[in-house]
Amino acid sequence: MAKFNFKKGDTVEIIAGDDRGTKATVLEVLSKKNKVIVEGCKVAKKAIKPTEDNPKGGHINKEMPIDVSNVRKVEA
């Protein structure tokens, strides 16, 4: 398992991809996959099935993982 310089709550800047230049906070670190989930970046529209809580189903916007090589830690 790799050692990361990121942890939940850190402020990071996206340095590659569609969200380049965006500064946001880390929501989750996926150390086994070498990825992080950053708030408001790489958002995908996901379909959800109907459940008892949500009888109609529908779509939600969900943040997808970003590779750690595309993220740089920003000192606050």
C-alpha atoms as a PDB file:
ATOM      1  CA  MET A   1       0.000   0.000   0.000  1.00  0.00           C
ATOM      2  CA  ALA A   2       1.345   3.400  -1.001  1.00  0.00           C
ATOM      3  CA  LYS A   3       1.860   6.287   1.422  1.00  0.00           C
ATOM      4  CA  PHE A   4      -0.208   9.369   0.668  1.00  0.00           C
ATOM      5  CA  ASN A   5       0.294  13.014   1.516  1.00  0.00           C
ATOM      6  CA  PHE A   6      -3.472  13.524   1.487  1.00  0.00           C
ATOM      7  CA  LYS A   7      -6.077  12.929   4.138  1.00  0.00           C
ATOM      8  CA  LYS A   8      -9.765  13.667   4.473  1.00  0.00           C
ATOM      9  CA  GLY A   9     -10.402  17.399   4.813  1.00  0.00           C
ATOM     10  CA  ASP A  10      -7.192  18.596   3.098  1.00  0.00           C
ATOM     11  CA  THR A  11      -7.397  21.357   0.506  1.00  0.00           C
ATOM     12  CA  VAL A  12      -6.113  20.258  -2.895  1.00  0.00           C
ATOM     13  CA  GLU A  13      -5.824  21.670  -6.415  1.00  0.00           C
ATOM     14  CA  ILE A  14      -6.664  19.643  -9.523  1.00  0.00           C
ATOM     15  CA  ILE A  15      -3.666  19.833 -11.901  1.00  0.00           C
ATOM     16  CA  ALA A  16      -4.968  17.734 -14.816  1.00  0.00           C
ATOM     17  CA  GLY A  17      -8.276  16.985 -16.513  1.00  0.00           C
ATOM     18  CA  ASP A  18     -11.485  18.926 -17.094  1.00  0.00           C
ATOM     19  CA  ASP A  19     -11.458  20.467 -13.593  1.00  0.00           C
ATOM     20  CA  ARG A  20      -7.873  21.775 -13.880  1.00  0.00           C
ATOM     21  CA  GLY A  21      -7.188  24.691 -11.540  1.00  0.00           C
ATOM     22  CA  THR A  22     -10.071  23.898  -9.172  1.00  0.00           C
ATOM     23  CA  LYS A  23      -9.317  24.067  -5.449  1.00  0.00           C
ATOM     24  CA  ALA A  24     -11.510  21.935  -3.181  1.00  0.00           C
ATOM     25  CA  THR A  25     -11.436  19.607  -0.170  1.00  0.00           C
ATOM     26  CA  VAL A  26     -10.804  15.876  -0.103  1.00  0.00           C
ATOM     27  CA  LEU A  27     -13.904  13.859   0.833  1.00  0.00           C
ATOM     28  CA  GLU A  28     -12.323  10.396   0.813  1.00  0.00           C
ATOM     29  CA  VAL A  29      -8.966   8.710   0.170  1.00  0.00           C
ATOM     30  CA  LEU A  30      -8.979   5.342  -1.641  1.00  0.00           C
ATOM     31  CA  SER A  31      -5.454   4.147  -0.837  1.00  0.00           C
ATOM     32  CA  LYS A  32      -5.716   0.702  -2.453  1.00  0.00           C
ATOM     33  CA  LYS A  33      -6.764   2.254  -5.780  1.00  0.00           C
ATOM     34  CA  ASN A  34      -4.405   5.290  -5.560  1.00  0.00           C
ATOM     35  CA  LYS A  35      -7.372   7.660  -5.933  1.00  0.00           C
ATOM     36  CA  VAL A  36      -9.072  10.453  -4.018  1.00  0.00           C
ATOM     37  CA  ILE A  37     -12.601  11.824  -4.140  1.00  0.00           C
ATOM     38  CA  VAL A  38     -12.636  15.628  -4.249  1.00  0.00           C
ATOM     39  CA  GLU A  39     -15.699  17.741  -3.456  1.00  0.00           C
ATOM     40  CA  GLY A  40     -17.394  19.090  -6.587  1.00  0.00           C
ATOM     41  CA  CYS A  41     -14.835  17.705  -9.073  1.00  0.00           C
ATOM     42  CA  LYS A  42     -15.360  15.032 -11.722  1.00  0.00           C
ATOM     43  CA  VAL A  43     -19.108  14.954 -11.096  1.00  0.00           C
ATOM     44  CA  ALA A  44     -21.082  12.259 -12.953  1.00  0.00           C
ATOM     45  CA  LYS A  45     -24.818  11.814 -13.239  1.00  0.00           C
ATOM     46  CA  LYS A  46     -25.730   8.374 -11.866  1.00  0.00           C
ATOM     47  CA  ALA A  47     -29.082   6.586 -12.223  1.00  0.00           C
ATOM     48  CA  ILE A  48     -30.572   5.186  -9.020  1.00  0.00           C
ATOM     49  CA  LYS A  49     -33.176   2.478  -8.720  1.00  0.00           C
ATOM     50  CA  PRO A  50     -36.470   3.082  -6.940  1.00  0.00           C
ATOM     51  CA  THR A  51     -36.395   2.205  -3.221  1.00  0.00           C
ATOM     52  CA  GLU A  52     -38.740   2.604  -0.276  1.00  0.00           C
ATOM     53  CA  ASP A  53     -37.068   5.916   0.592  1.00  0.00           C
ATOM     54  CA  ASN A  54     -37.146   7.142  -3.011  1.00  0.00           C
ATOM     55  CA  PRO A  55     -40.065   5.455  -4.830  1.00  0.00           C
ATOM     56  CA  LYS A  56     -39.492   7.228  -8.162  1.00  0.00           C
ATOM     57  CA  GLY A  57     -35.753   6.574  -8.508  1.00  0.00           C
ATOM     58  CA  GLY A  58     -34.092   9.053 -10.839  1.00  0.00           C
ATOM     59  CA  HIS A  59     -30.622  10.572 -11.166  1.00  0.00           C
ATOM     60  CA  ILE A  60     -28.107  11.972  -8.689  1.00  0.00           C
ATOM     61  CA  ASN A  61     -24.862  13.873  -9.169  1.00  0.00           C
ATOM     62  CA  LYS A  62     -21.950  11.956  -7.642  1.00  0.00           C
ATOM     63  CA  GLU A  63     -18.242  12.771  -7.316  1.00  0.00           C
ATOM     64  CA  MET A  64     -16.052  10.140  -8.956  1.00  0.00           C
ATOM     65  CA  PRO A  65     -12.477   9.205  -7.907  1.00  0.00           C
ATOM     66  CA  ILE A  66      -9.475  11.109  -9.306  1.00  0.00           C
ATOM     67  CA  ASP A  67      -5.978   9.614  -9.539  1.00  0.00           C
ATOM     68  CA  VAL A  68      -3.582  11.039  -6.944  1.00  0.00           C
ATOM     69  CA  SER A  69      -1.120  12.041  -9.679  1.00  0.00           C
ATOM     70  CA  ASN A  70      -3.665  14.622 -10.894  1.00  0.00           C
ATOM     71  CA  VAL A  71      -3.971  16.321  -7.494  1.00  0.00           C
ATOM     72  CA  ARG A  72      -1.613  18.667  -5.639  1.00  0.00           C
ATOM     73  CA  LYS A  73      -1.896  19.607  -1.948  1.00  0.00           C
ATOM     74  CA  VAL A  74      -2.415  23.324  -1.284  1.00  0.00           C
ATOM     75  CA  GLU A  75      -1.194  24.885   1.935  1.00  0.00           C
ATOM     76  CA  ALA A  76      -4.030  26.684   3.683  1.00  0.00           C
END
